[in-house]
Amino acid sequence: MKQVILIEDDKEMSTLIGEYLQSYDYPMKAFEKPKEALEYLHAHGEDALIVILDLMLPQMDGFDVCKKIREMSDVPIIISSARGDIGNKIHGFEIGADDYLAKPYEPRELVLRIDALLRRGKSVQSIQKISDFEIDEASMSVRLEDFPIDLTRVEYQILLYLLRNRGKVLSREQIAGAAGLDYDAKERTVDMHISNIRQKIDDDAKHPKYIKSVWGIGYKFEG
């Protein structure tokens, strides 16, 4: 289960943060000793949603902990510290922290910072590159060699399905199903959408670079 990892040796602070995060449906696992936190992240890093890191810790300085975490993971890190001067903030960002929250602060601000970092991460993750195409699933948009392609919803779903199944022969029925079309032997419906996509991505049907017709079956993305 994804959870917030808190590295904080102040038990009262840890309890306060834990209770507040729980009220916003963010489960939390707290560590007083940074070495135990690092061991946990090394073994269960995929379970870390975000790390909240104090700087004044036993065993290790928080900046060293931040460096260690960044060596093993790209999990978002929020430094939470009373060392709020600009020099410490700059150093924190330089070694890989994603945000820096100077104590004291309202717990609600911490939740807002967590929300913002997670939204930013989802936005980045929603963009993927396949062949010459860049797909942003969050906005349902496609770019070809950095130029935006104006697709309808159905065209977008068809192209995305072809891209995800690159190199596979796909029947018209499969393509229709992926695009949410009713398929009742109306093969021309799929053919019409494929033709429109080809025009928009400048793909010659006779000498295709991307979408190849497979006679008697359907289509295959080859680019």
C-alpha atoms as a PDB file:
ATOM      1  CA  MET A   1       0.000   0.000   0.000  1.00  0.00           C
ATOM      2  CA  LYS A   2       1.300   3.442  -0.936  1.00  0.00           C
ATOM      3  CA  GLN A   3       1.989   5.588   2.117  1.00  0.00           C
ATOM      4  CA  VAL A   4       3.718   8.748   3.254  1.00  0.00           C
ATOM      5  CA  ILE A   5       7.100   8.077   4.860  1.00  0.00           C
ATOM      6  CA  LEU A   6       7.864  10.455   7.732  1.00  0.00           C
ATOM      7  CA  ILE A   7      11.420  10.698   9.078  1.00  0.00           C
ATOM      8  CA  GLU A   8      11.045  12.763  12.256  1.00  0.00           C
ATOM      9  CA  ASP A   9      12.477  12.227  15.759  1.00  0.00           C
ATOM     10  CA  ASP A  10      10.016  14.565  17.502  1.00  0.00           C
ATOM     11  CA  LYS A  11       7.307  12.128  18.653  1.00  0.00           C
ATOM     12  CA  GLU A  12       4.750  14.849  19.313  1.00  0.00           C
ATOM     13  CA  MET A  13       5.285  16.311  15.848  1.00  0.00           C
ATOM     14  CA  SER A  14       5.144  12.850  14.304  1.00  0.00           C
ATOM     15  CA  THR A  15       1.833  12.067  16.010  1.00  0.00           C
ATOM     16  CA  LEU A  16       0.324  15.413  14.959  1.00  0.00           C
ATOM     17  CA  ILE A  17       1.337  14.949  11.319  1.00  0.00           C
ATOM     18  CA  GLY A  18       0.149  11.342  11.290  1.00  0.00           C
ATOM     19  CA  GLU A  19      -3.294  12.206  12.635  1.00  0.00           C
ATOM     20  CA  TYR A  20      -3.709  15.076  10.226  1.00  0.00           C
ATOM     21  CA  LEU A  21      -2.615  13.090   7.174  1.00  0.00           C
ATOM     22  CA  GLN A  22      -4.939  10.269   8.160  1.00  0.00           C
ATOM     23  CA  SER A  23      -7.862  12.698   8.124  1.00  0.00           C
ATOM     24  CA  TYR A  24      -7.034  13.380   4.470  1.00  0.00           C
ATOM     25  CA  ASP A  25      -6.727   9.665   3.639  1.00  0.00           C
ATOM     26  CA  TYR A  26      -2.933   9.660   3.484  1.00  0.00           C
ATOM     27  CA  PRO A  27      -1.631   6.617   5.405  1.00  0.00           C
ATOM     28  CA  MET A  28       1.728   7.254   7.059  1.00  0.00           C
ATOM     29  CA  LYS A  29       4.675   5.228   8.318  1.00  0.00           C
ATOM     30  CA  ALA A  30       6.954   7.084  10.732  1.00  0.00           C
ATOM     31  CA  PHE A  31      10.627   6.566  11.581  1.00  0.00           C
ATOM     32  CA  GLU A  32      12.577   8.254  14.365  1.00  0.00           C
ATOM     33  CA  LYS A  33      15.919   6.857  13.202  1.00  0.00           C
ATOM     34  CA  PRO A  34      16.963   7.680   9.635  1.00  0.00           C
ATOM     35  CA  LYS A  35      18.976   4.479   9.136  1.00  0.00           C
ATOM     36  CA  GLU A  36      15.833   2.418   9.740  1.00  0.00           C
ATOM     37  CA  ALA A  37      13.957   4.586   7.257  1.00  0.00           C
ATOM     38  CA  LEU A  38      16.673   4.093   4.645  1.00  0.00           C
ATOM     39  CA  GLU A  39      16.612   0.342   5.169  1.00  0.00           C
ATOM     40  CA  TYR A  40      12.857   0.346   4.723  1.00  0.00           C
ATOM     41  CA  LEU A  41      13.034   2.452   1.555  1.00  0.00           C
ATOM     42  CA  HIS A  42      15.728   0.197   0.149  1.00  0.00           C
ATOM     43  CA  ALA A  43      13.503  -2.850   0.636  1.00  0.00           C
ATOM     44  CA  HIS A  44      10.057  -1.298   0.034  1.00  0.00           C
ATOM     45  CA  GLY A  45      10.704   1.838  -1.999  1.00  0.00           C
ATOM     46  CA  GLU A  46       7.789   1.119  -4.304  1.00  0.00           C
ATOM     47  CA  ASP A  47       5.429   1.608  -1.341  1.00  0.00           C
ATOM     48  CA  ALA A  48       6.615   5.165  -0.687  1.00  0.00           C
ATOM     49  CA  LEU A  49       4.169   7.795  -1.883  1.00  0.00           C
ATOM     50  CA  ILE A  50       6.222  10.722  -0.651  1.00  0.00           C
ATOM     51  CA  VAL A  51       8.920  11.325   1.987  1.00  0.00           C
ATOM     52  CA  ILE A  52       8.681  14.053   4.650  1.00  0.00           C
ATOM     53  CA  LEU A  53      12.162  14.559   6.039  1.00  0.00           C
ATOM     54  CA  ASP A  54      13.357  16.467   9.098  1.00  0.00           C
ATOM     55  CA  LEU A  55      16.962  17.695   9.034  1.00  0.00           C
ATOM     56  CA  MET A  56      17.894  17.545  12.732  1.00  0.00           C
ATOM     57  CA  LEU A  57      18.019  13.799  13.281  1.00  0.00           C
ATOM     58  CA  PRO A  58      20.003  11.292  15.350  1.00  0.00           C
ATOM     59  CA  GLN A  59      22.569   9.086  13.576  1.00  0.00           C
ATOM     60  CA  MET A  60      22.721  11.199  10.383  1.00  0.00           C
ATOM     61  CA  ASP A  61      22.209  14.755   9.224  1.00  0.00           C
ATOM     62  CA  GLY A  62      19.001  15.155   7.242  1.00  0.00           C
ATOM     63  CA  PHE A  63      20.834  16.417   4.165  1.00  0.00           C
ATOM     64  CA  ASP A  64      22.850  13.184   4.060  1.00  0.00           C
ATOM     65  CA  VAL A  65      19.615  11.225   4.380  1.00  0.00           C
ATOM     66  CA  CYS A  66      18.167  13.185   1.462  1.00  0.00           C
ATOM     67  CA  LYS A  67      21.196  12.312  -0.678  1.00  0.00           C
ATOM     68  CA  LYS A  68      20.884   8.622   0.214  1.00  0.00           C
ATOM     69  CA  ILE A  69      17.193   8.573  -0.658  1.00  0.00           C
ATOM     70  CA  ARG A  70      17.810  10.304  -3.972  1.00  0.00           C
ATOM     71  CA  GLU A  71      20.514   7.748  -4.847  1.00  0.00           C
ATOM     72  CA  MET A  72      18.003   4.903  -4.590  1.00  0.00           C
ATOM     73  CA  SER A  73      14.688   6.492  -5.582  1.00  0.00           C
ATOM     74  CA  ASP A  74      12.961   9.383  -7.343  1.00  0.00           C
ATOM     75  CA  VAL A  75      10.203   9.488  -4.703  1.00  0.00           C
ATOM     76  CA  PRO A  76       9.167  13.113  -3.968  1.00  0.00           C
ATOM     77  CA  ILE A  77      10.896  14.544  -0.878  1.00  0.00           C
ATOM     78  CA  ILE A  78       9.612  17.399   1.274  1.00  0.00           C
ATOM     79  CA  ILE A  79      12.153  18.704   3.776  1.00  0.00           C
ATOM     80  CA  SER A  80      10.371  19.743   6.970  1.00  0.00           C
ATOM     81  CA  SER A  81      12.756  21.638   9.223  1.00  0.00           C
ATOM     82  CA  ALA A  82      13.242  24.502  11.653  1.00  0.00           C
ATOM     83  CA  ARG A  83      16.386  25.331   9.652  1.00  0.00           C
ATOM     84  CA  GLY A  84      14.450  27.656   7.392  1.00  0.00           C
ATOM     85  CA  ASP A  85      17.150  30.072   6.195  1.00  0.00           C
ATOM     86  CA  ILE A  86      17.695  30.524   2.479  1.00  0.00           C
ATOM     87  CA  GLY A  87      21.084  28.770   2.513  1.00  0.00           C
ATOM     88  CA  ASN A  88      19.604  25.540   3.846  1.00  0.00           C
ATOM     89  CA  LYS A  89      16.689  25.768   1.426  1.00  0.00           C
ATOM     90  CA  ILE A  90      18.988  26.204  -1.565  1.00  0.00           C
ATOM     91  CA  HIS A  91      21.171  23.305  -0.437  1.00  0.00           C
ATOM     92  CA  GLY A  92      18.095  21.106   0.033  1.00  0.00           C
ATOM     93  CA  PHE A  93      16.931  21.711  -3.510  1.00  0.00           C
ATOM     94  CA  GLU A  94      20.454  21.237  -4.862  1.00  0.00           C
ATOM     95  CA  ILE A  95      20.714  17.722  -3.405  1.00  0.00           C
ATOM     96  CA  GLY A  96      17.340  16.568  -4.691  1.00  0.00           C
ATOM     97  CA  ALA A  97      14.530  17.754  -2.426  1.00  0.00           C
ATOM     98  CA  ASP A  98      11.305  18.632  -4.239  1.00  0.00           C
ATOM     99  CA  ASP A  99       9.964  21.046  -1.630  1.00  0.00           C
ATOM    100  CA  TYR A 100      11.090  22.720   1.605  1.00  0.00           C
ATOM    101  CA  LEU A 101       8.679  23.584   4.405  1.00  0.00           C
ATOM    102  CA  ALA A 102      10.083  25.628   7.295  1.00  0.00           C
ATOM    103  CA  LYS A 103       8.784  24.864  10.787  1.00  0.00           C
ATOM    104  CA  PRO A 104       6.520  25.881  12.359  1.00  0.00           C
ATOM    105  CA  TYR A 105       3.770  25.436   9.800  1.00  0.00           C
ATOM    106  CA  GLU A 106       0.103  24.547   9.725  1.00  0.00           C
ATOM    107  CA  PRO A 107      -0.465  20.833   8.947  1.00  0.00           C
ATOM    108  CA  ARG A 108      -2.939  21.884   6.258  1.00  0.00           C
ATOM    109  CA  GLU A 109      -0.076  23.518   4.353  1.00  0.00           C
ATOM    110  CA  LEU A 110       1.803  20.225   4.396  1.00  0.00           C
ATOM    111  CA  VAL A 111      -1.219  18.451   2.893  1.00  0.00           C
ATOM    112  CA  LEU A 112      -1.451  21.093   0.160  1.00  0.00           C
ATOM    113  CA  ARG A 113       2.242  20.671  -0.649  1.00  0.00           C
ATOM    114  CA  ILE A 114       1.793  16.884  -0.842  1.00  0.00           C
ATOM    115  CA  ASP A 115      -1.231  17.286  -3.130  1.00  0.00           C
ATOM    116  CA  ALA A 116       0.700  19.632  -5.427  1.00  0.00           C
ATOM    117  CA  LEU A 117       3.718  17.317  -5.723  1.00  0.00           C
ATOM    118  CA  LEU A 118       1.568  14.280  -6.460  1.00  0.00           C
ATOM    119  CA  ARG A 119      -0.410  16.171  -9.120  1.00  0.00           C
ATOM    120  CA  ARG A 120       2.841  17.254 -10.726  1.00  0.00           C
ATOM    121  CA  GLY A 121       4.089  13.675 -10.734  1.00  0.00           C
ATOM    122  CA  LYS A 122       0.894  12.367 -12.330  1.00  0.00           C
ATOM    123  CA  SER A 123       1.088  15.010 -15.027  1.00  0.00           C
ATOM    124  CA  VAL A 124       4.603  13.946 -15.973  1.00  0.00           C
ATOM    125  CA  GLN A 125       3.722  10.258 -15.843  1.00  0.00           C
ATOM    126  CA  SER A 126       0.730  10.770 -18.108  1.00  0.00           C
ATOM    127  CA  ILE A 127       3.020  11.743 -21.009  1.00  0.00           C
ATOM    128  CA  GLN A 128       4.592   8.903 -22.933  1.00  0.00           C
ATOM    129  CA  LYS A 129       6.617   8.629 -26.150  1.00  0.00           C
ATOM    130  CA  ILE A 130       5.839   5.869 -28.653  1.00  0.00           C
ATOM    131  CA  SER A 131       7.565   5.924 -32.018  1.00  0.00           C
ATOM    132  CA  ASP A 132       7.440   9.533 -33.278  1.00  0.00           C
ATOM    133  CA  PHE A 133       4.342  10.264 -31.196  1.00  0.00           C
ATOM    134  CA  GLU A 134       4.032  11.923 -27.785  1.00  0.00           C
ATOM    135  CA  ILE A 135       0.792  11.067 -25.983  1.00  0.00           C
ATOM    136  CA  ASP A 136      -0.565  13.009 -23.022  1.00  0.00           C
ATOM    137  CA  GLU A 137      -3.318  10.824 -21.576  1.00  0.00           C
ATOM    138  CA  ALA A 138      -4.323  13.461 -19.024  1.00  0.00           C
ATOM    139  CA  SER A 139      -5.371  15.896 -21.765  1.00  0.00           C
ATOM    140  CA  MET A 140      -6.056  13.219 -24.429  1.00  0.00           C
ATOM    141  CA  SER A 141      -3.696  14.963 -26.828  1.00  0.00           C
ATOM    142  CA  VAL A 142      -1.144  13.697 -29.335  1.00  0.00           C
ATOM    143  CA  ARG A 143       1.901  15.371 -30.853  1.00  0.00           C
ATOM    144  CA  LEU A 144       3.851  14.082 -33.854  1.00  0.00           C
ATOM    145  CA  GLU A 145       7.466  15.225 -33.971  1.00  0.00           C
ATOM    146  CA  ASP A 146       6.436  18.082 -31.637  1.00  0.00           C
ATOM    147  CA  PHE A 147       3.451  19.189 -33.750  1.00  0.00           C
ATOM    148  CA  PRO A 148      -0.054  18.846 -32.220  1.00  0.00           C
ATOM    149  CA  ILE A 149      -2.452  16.503 -34.047  1.00  0.00           C
ATOM    150  CA  ASP A 150      -6.126  17.534 -33.993  1.00  0.00           C
ATOM    151  CA  LEU A 151      -7.961  14.251 -33.354  1.00  0.00           C
ATOM    152  CA  THR A 152     -11.547  13.483 -32.445  1.00  0.00           C
ATOM    153  CA  ARG A 153     -12.164  11.367 -29.363  1.00  0.00           C
ATOM    154  CA  VAL A 154     -12.669   8.216 -31.454  1.00  0.00           C
ATOM    155  CA  GLU A 155      -9.581   8.916 -33.566  1.00  0.00           C
ATOM    156  CA  TYR A 156      -7.544   9.443 -30.415  1.00  0.00           C
ATOM    157  CA  GLN A 157      -8.718   6.125 -28.938  1.00  0.00           C
ATOM    158  CA  ILE A 158      -7.962   4.261 -32.173  1.00  0.00           C
ATOM    159  CA  LEU A 159      -4.496   5.754 -32.579  1.00  0.00           C
ATOM    160  CA  LEU A 160      -3.670   5.126 -28.916  1.00  0.00           C
ATOM    161  CA  TYR A 161      -4.769   1.488 -29.279  1.00  0.00           C
ATOM    162  CA  LEU A 162      -2.621   1.042 -32.401  1.00  0.00           C
ATOM    163  CA  LEU A 163       0.380   2.638 -30.698  1.00  0.00           C
ATOM    164  CA  ARG A 164       0.051   0.495 -27.578  1.00  0.00           C
ATOM    165  CA  ASN A 165      -0.091  -2.611 -29.761  1.00  0.00           C
ATOM    166  CA  ARG A 166       2.725  -1.606 -32.057  1.00  0.00           C
ATOM    167  CA  GLY A 167       3.722  -4.431 -34.412  1.00  0.00           C
ATOM    168  CA  LYS A 168       0.559  -6.482 -33.785  1.00  0.00           C
ATOM    169  CA  VAL A 169      -2.098  -7.199 -36.395  1.00  0.00           C
ATOM    170  CA  LEU A 170      -5.415  -5.897 -35.026  1.00  0.00           C
ATOM    171  CA  SER A 171      -8.821  -6.763 -36.427  1.00  0.00           C
ATOM    172  CA  ARG A 172     -11.401  -4.117 -37.198  1.00  0.00           C
ATOM    173  CA  GLU A 173     -13.546  -5.589 -34.440  1.00  0.00           C
ATOM    174  CA  GLN A 174     -10.741  -5.178 -31.884  1.00  0.00           C
ATOM    175  CA  ILE A 175     -10.143  -1.592 -32.988  1.00  0.00           C
ATOM    176  CA  ALA A 176     -13.851  -0.767 -32.836  1.00  0.00           C
ATOM    177  CA  GLY A 177     -14.096  -2.214 -29.333  1.00  0.00           C
ATOM    178  CA  ALA A 178     -11.076  -0.220 -28.114  1.00  0.00           C
ATOM    179  CA  ALA A 179     -12.653   2.996 -29.431  1.00  0.00           C
ATOM    180  CA  GLY A 180     -16.055   2.233 -27.899  1.00  0.00           C
ATOM    181  CA  LEU A 181     -17.743   1.768 -31.263  1.00  0.00           C
ATOM    182  CA  ASP A 182     -20.593  -0.640 -31.883  1.00  0.00           C
ATOM    183  CA  TYR A 183     -19.247  -3.230 -34.286  1.00  0.00           C
ATOM    184  CA  ASP A 184     -21.954  -4.866 -36.349  1.00  0.00           C
ATOM    185  CA  ALA A 185     -20.026  -5.738 -39.484  1.00  0.00           C
ATOM    186  CA  LYS A 186     -19.819  -2.063 -40.469  1.00  0.00           C
ATOM    187  CA  GLU A 187     -16.175  -2.311 -41.391  1.00  0.00           C
ATOM    188  CA  ARG A 188     -16.265   0.980 -43.225  1.00  0.00           C
ATOM    189  CA  THR A 189     -16.746   2.849 -39.944  1.00  0.00           C
ATOM    190  CA  VAL A 190     -13.317   1.772 -38.727  1.00  0.00           C
ATOM    191  CA  ASP A 191     -11.821   2.283 -42.193  1.00  0.00           C
ATOM    192  CA  MET A 192     -13.199   5.824 -42.288  1.00  0.00           C
ATOM    193  CA  HIS A 193     -11.584   6.705 -38.947  1.00  0.00           C
ATOM    194  CA  ILE A 194      -8.282   5.143 -40.010  1.00  0.00           C
ATOM    195  CA  SER A 195      -8.396   7.174 -43.224  1.00  0.00           C
ATOM    196  CA  ASN A 196      -8.965  10.377 -41.244  1.00  0.00           C
ATOM    197  CA  ILE A 197      -6.062   9.559 -38.905  1.00  0.00           C
ATOM    198  CA  ARG A 198      -3.770   8.886 -41.859  1.00  0.00           C
ATOM    199  CA  GLN A 199      -4.596  12.268 -43.349  1.00  0.00           C
ATOM    200  CA  LYS A 200      -3.895  14.047 -40.085  1.00  0.00           C
ATOM    201  CA  ILE A 201      -0.536  12.338 -39.529  1.00  0.00           C
ATOM    202  CA  ASP A 202       0.389  12.564 -43.231  1.00  0.00           C
ATOM    203  CA  ASP A 203       0.605   8.795 -43.685  1.00  0.00           C
ATOM    204  CA  ASP A 204       0.215   7.643 -47.291  1.00  0.00           C
ATOM    205  CA  ALA A 205      -2.141   4.631 -47.458  1.00  0.00           C
ATOM    206  CA  LYS A 206      -0.294   3.237 -50.505  1.00  0.00           C
ATOM    207  CA  HIS A 207       3.142   3.609 -48.929  1.00  0.00           C
ATOM    208  CA  PRO A 208       2.434   3.834 -45.176  1.00  0.00           C
ATOM    209  CA  LYS A 209       5.091   4.740 -42.666  1.00  0.00           C
ATOM    210  CA  TYR A 210       2.888   4.121 -39.648  1.00  0.00           C
ATOM    211  CA  ILE A 211      -0.449   2.384 -40.251  1.00  0.00           C
ATOM    212  CA  LYS A 212      -0.379  -0.625 -42.575  1.00  0.00           C
ATOM    213  CA  SER A 213      -3.527  -2.306 -43.900  1.00  0.00           C
ATOM    214  CA  VAL A 214      -3.636  -6.072 -43.392  1.00  0.00           C
ATOM    215  CA  TRP A 215      -5.907  -7.488 -46.087  1.00  0.00           C
ATOM    216  CA  GLY A 216      -8.955  -9.322 -44.808  1.00  0.00           C
ATOM    217  CA  ILE A 217      -8.139  -8.597 -41.138  1.00  0.00           C
ATOM    218  CA  GLY A 218      -7.507  -5.002 -40.161  1.00  0.00           C
ATOM    219  CA  TYR A 219      -4.477  -2.849 -39.438  1.00  0.00           C
ATOM    220  CA  LYS A 220      -1.017  -2.830 -37.904  1.00  0.00           C
ATOM    221  CA  PHE A 221       1.058   0.049 -36.579  1.00  0.00           C
ATOM    222  CA  GLU A 222       4.610  -0.313 -37.887  1.00  0.00           C
ATOM    223  CA  GLY A 223       6.289   3.031 -37.326  1.00  0.00           C
END
